[in-house]
Amino acid sequence: EYDSKSVNIGGSILLFKRLYFFSMAQNMKYFAGGVAY
């Protein structure tokens, strides 16, 4: 996505129909991620 100030990229994947892994990079500088059941 582009929000007029920065480019943000991210993704998610669902494994075993239950486990989500997700991550993102805000402005290609600040990284975040997580896991959800």
PDB file of all heavy atoms in Angstrom:
ATOM      1  N   GLU A   1       0.836  -1.195   0.000  1.00  0.00           N
ATOM      2  CA  GLU A   1       0.000   0.000   0.000  1.00  0.00           C
ATOM      3  C   GLU A   1       0.872   1.246   0.000  1.00  0.00           C
ATOM      4  O   GLU A   1       2.018   1.221   0.430  1.00  0.00           O
ATOM      5  CB  GLU A   1      -0.956   0.027   1.189  1.00  0.00           C
ATOM      6  CG  GLU A   1      -0.289   0.150   2.527  1.00  0.00           C
ATOM      7  CD  GLU A   1      -1.267   0.177   3.680  1.00  0.00           C
ATOM      8  OE1 GLU A   1      -2.406  -0.254   3.522  1.00  0.00           O
ATOM      9  OE2 GLU A   1      -0.864   0.639   4.755  1.00  0.00           O
ATOM     10  N   TYR A   2       0.274   2.311  -0.497  1.00  0.00           N
ATOM     11  CA  TYR A   2       0.921   3.623  -0.512  1.00  0.00           C
ATOM     12  C   TYR A   2      -0.049   4.599   0.134  1.00  0.00           C
ATOM     13  O   TYR A   2      -1.215   4.680  -0.258  1.00  0.00           O
ATOM     14  CB  TYR A   2       1.234   4.043  -1.947  1.00  0.00           C
ATOM     15  CG  TYR A   2       1.832   5.416  -2.049  1.00  0.00           C
ATOM     16  CD1 TYR A   2       3.121   5.661  -1.596  1.00  0.00           C
ATOM     17  CD2 TYR A   2       1.112   6.463  -2.581  1.00  0.00           C
ATOM     18  CE1 TYR A   2       3.672   6.935  -1.682  1.00  0.00           C
ATOM     19  CE2 TYR A   2       1.653   7.739  -2.667  1.00  0.00           C
ATOM     20  CZ  TYR A   2       2.935   7.957  -2.218  1.00  0.00           C
ATOM     21  OH  TYR A   2       3.470   9.214  -2.300  1.00  0.00           O
ATOM     22  N   ASP A   3       0.408   5.355   1.125  1.00  0.00           N
ATOM     23  CA  ASP A   3      -0.488   6.257   1.863  1.00  0.00           C
ATOM     24  C   ASP A   3      -0.132   7.730   1.677  1.00  0.00           C
ATOM     25  O   ASP A   3      -0.391   8.540   2.543  1.00  0.00           O
ATOM     26  CB  ASP A   3      -0.521   5.894   3.339  1.00  0.00           C
ATOM     27  CG  ASP A   3       0.815   6.088   4.037  1.00  0.00           C
ATOM     28  OD1 ASP A   3       1.762   6.588   3.414  1.00  0.00           O
ATOM     29  OD2 ASP A   3       0.902   5.737   5.220  1.00  0.00           O
ATOM     30  N   SER A   4       0.467   8.085   0.567  1.00  0.00           N
ATOM     31  CA  SER A   4       0.897   9.423   0.182  1.00  0.00           C
ATOM     32  C   SER A   4       2.167   9.869   0.897  1.00  0.00           C
ATOM     33  O   SER A   4       2.708  10.920   0.580  1.00  0.00           O
ATOM     34  CB  SER A   4      -0.199  10.474   0.347  1.00  0.00           C
ATOM     35  OG  SER A   4      -0.322  10.884   1.687  1.00  0.00           O
ATOM     36  N   LYS A   5       2.641   9.095   1.849  1.00  0.00           N
ATOM     37  CA  LYS A   5       3.882   9.426   2.553  1.00  0.00           C
ATOM     38  C   LYS A   5       4.880   8.284   2.528  1.00  0.00           C
ATOM     39  O   LYS A   5       6.076   8.512   2.559  1.00  0.00           O
ATOM     40  CB  LYS A   5       3.588   9.791   4.006  1.00  0.00           C
ATOM     41  CG  LYS A   5       2.770  11.040   4.169  1.00  0.00           C
ATOM     42  CD  LYS A   5       2.507  11.313   5.616  1.00  0.00           C
ATOM     43  CE  LYS A   5       1.585  12.519   5.737  1.00  0.00           C
ATOM     44  NZ  LYS A   5       1.168  12.753   7.105  1.00  0.00           N
ATOM     45  N   SER A   6       4.399   7.044   2.507  1.00  0.00           N
ATOM     46  CA  SER A   6       5.301   5.906   2.585  1.00  0.00           C
ATOM     47  C   SER A   6       4.707   4.697   1.877  1.00  0.00           C
ATOM     48  O   SER A   6       3.512   4.643   1.594  1.00  0.00           O
ATOM     49  CB  SER A   6       5.587   5.562   4.052  1.00  0.00           C
ATOM     50  OG  SER A   6       4.385   5.218   4.710  1.00  0.00           O
ATOM     51  N   VAL A   7       5.575   3.733   1.624  1.00  0.00           N
ATOM     52  CA  VAL A   7       5.168   2.461   1.038  1.00  0.00           C
ATOM     53  C   VAL A   7       5.237   1.417   2.145  1.00  0.00           C
ATOM     54  O   VAL A   7       6.249   1.298   2.835  1.00  0.00           O
ATOM     55  CB  VAL A   7       6.099   2.061  -0.126  1.00  0.00           C
ATOM     56  CG1 VAL A   7       5.766   0.673  -0.627  1.00  0.00           C
ATOM     57  CG2 VAL A   7       6.018   3.074  -1.241  1.00  0.00           C
ATOM     58  N   ASN A   8       4.161   0.680   2.319  1.00  0.00           N
ATOM     59  CA  ASN A   8       4.087  -0.355   3.336  1.00  0.00           C
ATOM     60  C   ASN A   8       3.852  -1.691   2.639  1.00  0.00           C
ATOM     61  O   ASN A   8       3.050  -1.780   1.718  1.00  0.00           O
ATOM     62  CB  ASN A   8       2.941  -0.074   4.303  1.00  0.00           C
ATOM     63  CG  ASN A   8       3.034   1.315   4.891  1.00  0.00           C
ATOM     64  OD1 ASN A   8       4.088   1.738   5.324  1.00  0.00           O
ATOM     65  ND2 ASN A   8       1.937   2.042   4.875  1.00  0.00           N
ATOM     66  N   ILE A   9       4.562  -2.724   3.090  1.00  0.00           N
ATOM     67  CA  ILE A   9       4.357  -4.053   2.534  1.00  0.00           C
ATOM     68  C   ILE A   9       4.132  -5.034   3.682  1.00  0.00           C
ATOM     69  O   ILE A   9       4.569  -4.800   4.808  1.00  0.00           O
ATOM     70  CB  ILE A   9       5.535  -4.523   1.665  1.00  0.00           C
ATOM     71  CG1 ILE A   9       6.827  -4.610   2.480  1.00  0.00           C
ATOM     72  CG2 ILE A   9       5.716  -3.631   0.457  1.00  0.00           C
ATOM     73  CD1 ILE A   9       7.934  -5.332   1.782  1.00  0.00           C
ATOM     74  N   GLY A  10       3.435  -6.096   3.387  1.00  0.00           N
ATOM     75  CA  GLY A  10       3.183  -7.096   4.409  1.00  0.00           C
ATOM     76  C   GLY A  10       2.640  -8.368   3.806  1.00  0.00           C
ATOM     77  O   GLY A  10       2.443  -8.475   2.598  1.00  0.00           O
ATOM     78  N   GLY A  11       2.406  -9.307   4.654  1.00  0.00           N
ATOM     79  CA  GLY A  11       1.863 -10.571   4.197  1.00  0.00           C
ATOM     80  C   GLY A  11       1.389 -11.414   5.353  1.00  0.00           C
ATOM     81  O   GLY A  11       1.693 -11.149   6.518  1.00  0.00           O
ATOM     82  N   SER A  12       0.629 -12.423   4.993  1.00  0.00           N
ATOM     83  CA  SER A  12       0.166 -13.380   5.995  1.00  0.00           C
ATOM     84  C   SER A  12       0.062 -14.750   5.338  1.00  0.00           C
ATOM     85  O   SER A  12      -0.082 -14.866   4.121  1.00  0.00           O
ATOM     86  CB  SER A  12      -1.190 -12.962   6.575  1.00  0.00           C
ATOM     87  OG  SER A  12      -2.189 -13.029   5.577  1.00  0.00           O
ATOM     88  N   ILE A  13       0.143 -15.747   6.167  1.00  0.00           N
ATOM     89  CA  ILE A  13       0.016 -17.118   5.689  1.00  0.00           C
ATOM     90  C   ILE A  13      -0.739 -17.922   6.743  1.00  0.00           C
ATOM     91  O   ILE A  13      -0.548 -17.719   7.950  1.00  0.00           O
ATOM     92  CB  ILE A  13       1.396 -17.739   5.375  1.00  0.00           C
ATOM     93  CG1 ILE A  13       1.222 -19.087   4.675  1.00  0.00           C
ATOM     94  CG2 ILE A  13       2.255 -17.847   6.610  1.00  0.00           C
ATOM     95  CD1 ILE A  13       2.491 -19.603   4.057  1.00  0.00           C
ATOM     96  N   LEU A  14      -1.624 -18.776   6.293  1.00  0.00           N
ATOM     97  CA  LEU A  14      -2.387 -19.668   7.169  1.00  0.00           C
ATOM     98  C   LEU A  14      -1.845 -21.074   6.984  1.00  0.00           C
ATOM     99  O   LEU A  14      -1.827 -21.609   5.875  1.00  0.00           O
ATOM    100  CB  LEU A  14      -3.878 -19.624   6.806  1.00  0.00           C
ATOM    101  CG  LEU A  14      -4.793 -20.570   7.552  1.00  0.00           C
ATOM    102  CD1 LEU A  14      -4.827 -20.244   9.041  1.00  0.00           C
ATOM    103  CD2 LEU A  14      -6.197 -20.516   6.970  1.00  0.00           C
ATOM    104  N   LEU A  15      -1.382 -21.664   8.071  1.00  0.00           N
ATOM    105  CA  LEU A  15      -0.839 -23.019   8.032  1.00  0.00           C
ATOM    106  C   LEU A  15      -1.703 -23.963   8.860  1.00  0.00           C
ATOM    107  O   LEU A  15      -2.192 -23.578   9.932  1.00  0.00           O
ATOM    108  CB  LEU A  15       0.591 -23.034   8.574  1.00  0.00           C
ATOM    109  CG  LEU A  15       1.602 -22.176   7.832  1.00  0.00           C
ATOM    110  CD1 LEU A  15       2.930 -22.178   8.570  1.00  0.00           C
ATOM    111  CD2 LEU A  15       1.780 -22.680   6.415  1.00  0.00           C
ATOM    112  N   PHE A  16      -1.892 -25.145   8.378  1.00  0.00           N
ATOM    113  CA  PHE A  16      -2.636 -26.200   9.078  1.00  0.00           C
ATOM    114  C   PHE A  16      -4.070 -25.795   9.400  1.00  0.00           C
ATOM    115  O   PHE A  16      -4.650 -26.260  10.376  1.00  0.00           O
ATOM    116  CB  PHE A  16      -1.917 -26.628  10.362  1.00  0.00           C
ATOM    117  CG  PHE A  16      -0.457 -26.892  10.169  1.00  0.00           C
ATOM    118  CD1 PHE A  16       0.488 -26.079  10.751  1.00  0.00           C
ATOM    119  CD2 PHE A  16      -0.032 -27.952   9.384  1.00  0.00           C
ATOM    120  CE1 PHE A  16       1.838 -26.310  10.573  1.00  0.00           C
ATOM    121  CE2 PHE A  16       1.320 -28.190   9.194  1.00  0.00           C
ATOM    122  CZ  PHE A  16       2.257 -27.371   9.799  1.00  0.00           C
ATOM    123  N   LYS A  17      -4.651 -24.882   8.635  1.00  0.00           N
ATOM    124  CA  LYS A  17      -6.024 -24.386   8.789  1.00  0.00           C
ATOM    125  C   LYS A  17      -6.279 -23.701  10.131  1.00  0.00           C
ATOM    126  O   LYS A  17      -7.405 -23.398  10.479  1.00  0.00           O
ATOM    127  CB  LYS A  17      -7.046 -25.505   8.592  1.00  0.00           C
ATOM    128  CG  LYS A  17      -7.029 -26.106   7.216  1.00  0.00           C
ATOM    129  CD  LYS A  17      -8.089 -27.161   7.084  1.00  0.00           C
ATOM    130  CE  LYS A  17      -8.036 -27.793   5.706  1.00  0.00           C
ATOM    131  NZ  LYS A  17      -9.063 -28.800   5.531  1.00  0.00           N
ATOM    132  N   ARG A  18      -5.254 -23.433  10.905  1.00  0.00           N
ATOM    133  CA  ARG A  18      -5.442 -22.848  12.237  1.00  0.00           C
ATOM    134  C   ARG A  18      -4.436 -21.761  12.601  1.00  0.00           C
ATOM    135  O   ARG A  18      -4.714 -20.898  13.398  1.00  0.00           O
ATOM    136  CB  ARG A  18      -5.338 -23.941  13.306  1.00  0.00           C
ATOM    137  CG  ARG A  18      -6.371 -25.005  13.205  1.00  0.00           C
ATOM    138  CD  ARG A  18      -7.539 -24.631  14.057  1.00  0.00           C
ATOM    139  NE  ARG A  18      -8.493 -25.723  14.078  1.00  0.00           N
ATOM    140  CZ  ARG A  18      -9.767 -25.574  13.862  1.00  0.00           C
ATOM    141  NH1 ARG A  18     -10.262 -24.392  13.617  1.00  0.00           N
ATOM    142  NH2 ARG A  18     -10.580 -26.584  13.889  1.00  0.00           N
ATOM    143  N   LEU A  19      -3.244 -21.819  12.088  1.00  0.00           N
ATOM    144  CA  LEU A  19      -2.145 -20.986  12.565  1.00  0.00           C
ATOM    145  C   LEU A  19      -1.808 -19.898  11.543  1.00  0.00           C
ATOM    146  O   LEU A  19      -1.410 -20.190  10.417  1.00  0.00           O
ATOM    147  CB  LEU A  19      -0.925 -21.865  12.808  1.00  0.00           C
ATOM    148  CG  LEU A  19       0.175 -21.357  13.689  1.00  0.00           C
ATOM    149  CD1 LEU A  19      -0.338 -20.966  15.065  1.00  0.00           C
ATOM    150  CD2 LEU A  19       1.254 -22.413  13.835  1.00  0.00           C
ATOM    151  N   TYR A  20      -1.988 -18.631  11.943  1.00  0.00           N
ATOM    152  CA  TYR A  20      -1.667 -17.477  11.100  1.00  0.00           C
ATOM    153  C   TYR A  20      -0.321 -16.906  11.493  1.00  0.00           C
ATOM    154  O   TYR A  20      -0.044 -16.696  12.677  1.00  0.00           O
ATOM    155  CB  TYR A  20      -2.686 -16.352  11.311  1.00  0.00           C
ATOM    156  CG  TYR A  20      -3.896 -16.394  10.442  1.00  0.00           C
ATOM    157  CD1 TYR A  20      -5.130 -16.704  10.989  1.00  0.00           C
ATOM    158  CD2 TYR A  20      -3.824 -16.093   9.092  1.00  0.00           C
ATOM    159  CE1 TYR A  20      -6.268 -16.727  10.207  1.00  0.00           C
ATOM    160  CE2 TYR A  20      -4.952 -16.119   8.309  1.00  0.00           C
ATOM    161  CZ  TYR A  20      -6.166 -16.434   8.867  1.00  0.00           C
ATOM    162  OH  TYR A  20      -7.282 -16.457   8.091  1.00  0.00           O
ATOM    163  N   PHE A  21       0.508 -16.644  10.513  1.00  0.00           N
ATOM    164  CA  PHE A  21       1.732 -15.882  10.696  1.00  0.00           C
ATOM    165  C   PHE A  21       1.589 -14.631   9.845  1.00  0.00           C
ATOM    166  O   PHE A  21       1.178 -14.721   8.690  1.00  0.00           O
ATOM    167  CB  PHE A  21       2.962 -16.670  10.234  1.00  0.00           C
ATOM    168  CG  PHE A  21       3.302 -17.827  11.118  1.00  0.00           C
ATOM    169  CD1 PHE A  21       2.835 -19.092  10.827  1.00  0.00           C
ATOM    170  CD2 PHE A  21       4.095 -17.639  12.236  1.00  0.00           C
ATOM    171  CE1 PHE A  21       3.148 -20.167  11.635  1.00  0.00           C
ATOM    172  CE2 PHE A  21       4.408 -18.708  13.053  1.00  0.00           C
ATOM    173  CZ  PHE A  21       3.938 -19.973  12.752  1.00  0.00           C
ATOM    174  N   PHE A  22       1.905 -13.483  10.386  1.00  0.00           N
ATOM    175  CA  PHE A  22       1.788 -12.257   9.608  1.00  0.00           C
ATOM    176  C   PHE A  22       2.933 -11.312   9.954  1.00  0.00           C
ATOM    177  O   PHE A  22       3.478 -11.346  11.059  1.00  0.00           O
ATOM    178  CB  PHE A  22       0.429 -11.577   9.825  1.00  0.00           C
ATOM    179  CG  PHE A  22       0.041 -11.387  11.253  1.00  0.00           C
ATOM    180  CD1 PHE A  22       0.350 -10.218  11.918  1.00  0.00           C
ATOM    181  CD2 PHE A  22      -0.634 -12.379  11.935  1.00  0.00           C
ATOM    182  CE1 PHE A  22      -0.012 -10.043  13.240  1.00  0.00           C
ATOM    183  CE2 PHE A  22      -1.003 -12.216  13.255  1.00  0.00           C
ATOM    184  CZ  PHE A  22      -0.687 -11.042  13.919  1.00  0.00           C
ATOM    185  N   SER A  23       3.298 -10.499   8.972  1.00  0.00           N
ATOM    186  CA  SER A  23       4.360  -9.519   9.176  1.00  0.00           C
ATOM    187  C   SER A  23       4.118  -8.335   8.252  1.00  0.00           C
ATOM    188  O   SER A  23       3.388  -8.432   7.270  1.00  0.00           O
ATOM    189  CB  SER A  23       5.731 -10.130   8.906  1.00  0.00           C
ATOM    190  OG  SER A  23       5.833 -10.483   7.547  1.00  0.00           O
ATOM    191  N   MET A  24       4.746  -7.220   8.591  1.00  0.00           N
ATOM    192  CA  MET A  24       4.632  -6.024   7.769  1.00  0.00           C
ATOM    193  C   MET A  24       5.853  -5.144   7.993  1.00  0.00           C
ATOM    194  O   MET A  24       6.526  -5.252   9.005  1.00  0.00           O
ATOM    195  CB  MET A  24       3.346  -5.246   8.065  1.00  0.00           C
ATOM    196  CG  MET A  24       3.169  -4.778   9.476  1.00  0.00           C
ATOM    197  SD  MET A  24       3.612  -3.082   9.888  1.00  0.00           S
ATOM    198  CE  MET A  24       2.840  -2.116   8.680  1.00  0.00           C
ATOM    199  N   ALA A  25       6.103  -4.304   6.993  1.00  0.00           N
ATOM    200  CA  ALA A  25       7.189  -3.327   7.073  1.00  0.00           C
ATOM    201  C   ALA A  25       6.597  -1.967   6.744  1.00  0.00           C
ATOM    202  O   ALA A  25       6.152  -1.740   5.620  1.00  0.00           O
ATOM    203  CB  ALA A  25       8.298  -3.677   6.105  1.00  0.00           C
ATOM    204  N   GLN A  26       6.555  -1.091   7.725  1.00  0.00           N
ATOM    205  CA  GLN A  26       6.018   0.251   7.521  1.00  0.00           C
ATOM    206  C   GLN A  26       7.141   1.154   7.047  1.00  0.00           C
ATOM    207  O   GLN A  26       8.184   1.263   7.699  1.00  0.00           O
ATOM    208  CB  GLN A  26       5.411   0.786   8.803  1.00  0.00           C
ATOM    209  CG  GLN A  26       4.776   2.140   8.641  1.00  0.00           C
ATOM    210  CD  GLN A  26       4.177   2.639   9.932  1.00  0.00           C
ATOM    211  OE1 GLN A  26       4.466   2.125  11.010  1.00  0.00           O
ATOM    212  NE2 GLN A  26       3.338   3.638   9.832  1.00  0.00           N
ATOM    213  N   ASN A  27       6.925   1.788   5.905  1.00  0.00           N
ATOM    214  CA  ASN A  27       7.900   2.677   5.295  1.00  0.00           C
ATOM    215  C   ASN A  27       9.233   1.974   5.062  1.00  0.00           C
ATOM    216  O   ASN A  27      10.287   2.602   5.035  1.00  0.00           O
ATOM    217  CB  ASN A  27       8.089   3.942   6.127  1.00  0.00           C
ATOM    218  CG  ASN A  27       8.670   5.071   5.313  1.00  0.00           C
ATOM    219  OD1 ASN A  27       8.618   5.060   4.088  1.00  0.00           O
ATOM    220  ND2 ASN A  27       9.230   6.052   5.983  1.00  0.00           N
ATOM    221  N   MET A  28       9.200   0.665   4.930  1.00  0.00           N
ATOM    222  CA  MET A  28      10.385  -0.164   4.691  1.00  0.00           C
ATOM    223  C   MET A  28      11.452   0.011   5.782  1.00  0.00           C
ATOM    224  O   MET A  28      12.605  -0.288   5.583  1.00  0.00           O
ATOM    225  CB  MET A  28      10.976   0.139   3.319  1.00  0.00           C
ATOM    226  CG  MET A  28       9.996  -0.057   2.171  1.00  0.00           C
ATOM    227  SD  MET A  28       9.331  -1.723   2.075  1.00  0.00           S
ATOM    228  CE  MET A  28      10.800  -2.598   1.622  1.00  0.00           C
ATOM    229  N   LYS A  29      11.033   0.499   6.969  1.00  0.00           N
ATOM    230  CA  LYS A  29      11.966   0.718   8.072  1.00  0.00           C
ATOM    231  C   LYS A  29      11.548  -0.014   9.340  1.00  0.00           C
ATOM    232  O   LYS A  29      12.382  -0.542  10.058  1.00  0.00           O
ATOM    233  CB  LYS A  29      12.057   2.208   8.407  1.00  0.00           C
ATOM    234  CG  LYS A  29      12.682   3.054   7.363  1.00  0.00           C
ATOM    235  CD  LYS A  29      12.719   4.490   7.844  1.00  0.00           C
ATOM    236  CE  LYS A  29      13.253   5.410   6.779  1.00  0.00           C
ATOM    237  NZ  LYS A  29      13.232   6.803   7.210  1.00  0.00           N
ATOM    238  N   TYR A  30      10.264   0.019   9.645  1.00  0.00           N
ATOM    239  CA  TYR A  30       9.770  -0.493  10.921  1.00  0.00           C
ATOM    240  C   TYR A  30       9.039  -1.808  10.688  1.00  0.00           C
ATOM    241  O   TYR A  30       8.031  -1.852   9.998  1.00  0.00           O
ATOM    242  CB  TYR A  30       8.834   0.531  11.561  1.00  0.00           C
ATOM    243  CG  TYR A  30       9.434   1.906  11.607  1.00  0.00           C
ATOM    244  CD1 TYR A  30       9.012   2.894  10.722  1.00  0.00           C
ATOM    245  CD2 TYR A  30      10.451   2.208  12.503  1.00  0.00           C
ATOM    246  CE1 TYR A  30       9.575   4.154  10.739  1.00  0.00           C
ATOM    247  CE2 TYR A  30      11.026   3.464  12.526  1.00  0.00           C
ATOM    248  CZ  TYR A  30      10.584   4.432  11.647  1.00  0.00           C
ATOM    249  OH  TYR A  30      11.149   5.676  11.660  1.00  0.00           O
ATOM    250  N   PHE A  31       9.549  -2.865  11.279  1.00  0.00           N
ATOM    251  CA  PHE A  31       8.997  -4.191  11.060  1.00  0.00           C
ATOM    252  C   PHE A  31       8.173  -4.650  12.249  1.00  0.00           C
ATOM    253  O   PHE A  31       8.498  -4.349  13.400  1.00  0.00           O
ATOM    254  CB  PHE A  31      10.119  -5.195  10.791  1.00  0.00           C
ATOM    255  CG  PHE A  31      10.834  -4.933   9.500  1.00  0.00           C
ATOM    256  CD1 PHE A  31      11.944  -4.122   9.459  1.00  0.00           C
ATOM    257  CD2 PHE A  31      10.378  -5.487   8.317  1.00  0.00           C
ATOM    258  CE1 PHE A  31      12.602  -3.869   8.279  1.00  0.00           C
ATOM    259  CE2 PHE A  31      11.012  -5.242   7.117  1.00  0.00           C
ATOM    260  CZ  PHE A  31      12.143  -4.422   7.102  1.00  0.00           C
ATOM    261  N   ALA A  32       7.112  -5.358  11.954  1.00  0.00           N
ATOM    262  CA  ALA A  32       6.248  -5.923  12.991  1.00  0.00           C
ATOM    263  C   ALA A  32       5.728  -7.255  12.496  1.00  0.00           C
ATOM    264  O   ALA A  32       5.701  -7.527  11.298  1.00  0.00           O
ATOM    265  CB  ALA A  32       5.091  -4.981  13.297  1.00  0.00           C
ATOM    266  N   GLY A  33       5.308  -8.086  13.413  1.00  0.00           N
ATOM    267  CA  GLY A  33       4.768  -9.380  13.030  1.00  0.00           C
ATOM    268  C   GLY A  33       4.060 -10.025  14.191  1.00  0.00           C
ATOM    269  O   GLY A  33       4.050  -9.503  15.303  1.00  0.00           O
ATOM    270  N   GLY A  34       3.472 -11.149  13.909  1.00  0.00           N
ATOM    271  CA  GLY A  34       2.771 -11.850  14.962  1.00  0.00           C
ATOM    272  C   GLY A  34       2.295 -13.215  14.532  1.00  0.00           C
ATOM    273  O   GLY A  34       2.428 -13.616  13.374  1.00  0.00           O
ATOM    274  N   VAL A  35       1.728 -13.904  15.492  1.00  0.00           N
ATOM    275  CA  VAL A  35       1.173 -15.236  15.287  1.00  0.00           C
ATOM    276  C   VAL A  35      -0.205 -15.248  15.924  1.00  0.00           C
ATOM    277  O   VAL A  35      -0.408 -14.665  16.985  1.00  0.00           O
ATOM    278  CB  VAL A  35       2.059 -16.310  15.958  1.00  0.00           C
ATOM    279  CG1 VAL A  35       1.479 -17.692  15.788  1.00  0.00           C
ATOM    280  CG2 VAL A  35       3.479 -16.254  15.421  1.00  0.00           C
ATOM    281  N   ALA A  36      -1.147 -15.889  15.268  1.00  0.00           N
ATOM    282  CA  ALA A  36      -2.498 -16.010  15.816  1.00  0.00           C
ATOM    283  C   ALA A  36      -3.001 -17.429  15.585  1.00  0.00           C
ATOM    284  O   ALA A  36      -2.649 -18.075  14.603  1.00  0.00           O
ATOM    285  CB  ALA A  36      -3.444 -15.016  15.150  1.00  0.00           C
ATOM    286  N   TYR A  37      -3.827 -17.898  16.504  1.00  0.00           N
ATOM    287  CA  TYR A  37      -4.434 -19.217  16.387  1.00  0.00           C
ATOM    288  C   TYR A  37      -5.904 -19.035  16.042  1.00  0.00           C
ATOM    289  O   TYR A  37      -6.613 -18.284  16.739  1.00  0.00           O
ATOM    290  CB  TYR A  37      -4.292 -20.002  17.697  1.00  0.00           C
ATOM    291  CG  TYR A  37      -4.773 -21.429  17.582  1.00  0.00           C
ATOM    292  CD1 TYR A  37      -3.986 -22.373  16.957  1.00  0.00           C
ATOM    293  CD2 TYR A  37      -6.000 -21.806  18.087  1.00  0.00           C
ATOM    294  CE1 TYR A  37      -4.408 -23.686  16.834  1.00  0.00           C
ATOM    295  CE2 TYR A  37      -6.445 -23.109  17.972  1.00  0.00           C
ATOM    296  CZ  TYR A  37      -5.654 -24.037  17.342  1.00  0.00           C
ATOM    297  OH  TYR A  37      -6.070 -25.328  17.210  1.00  0.00           O
TER     298      TYR A  37
END
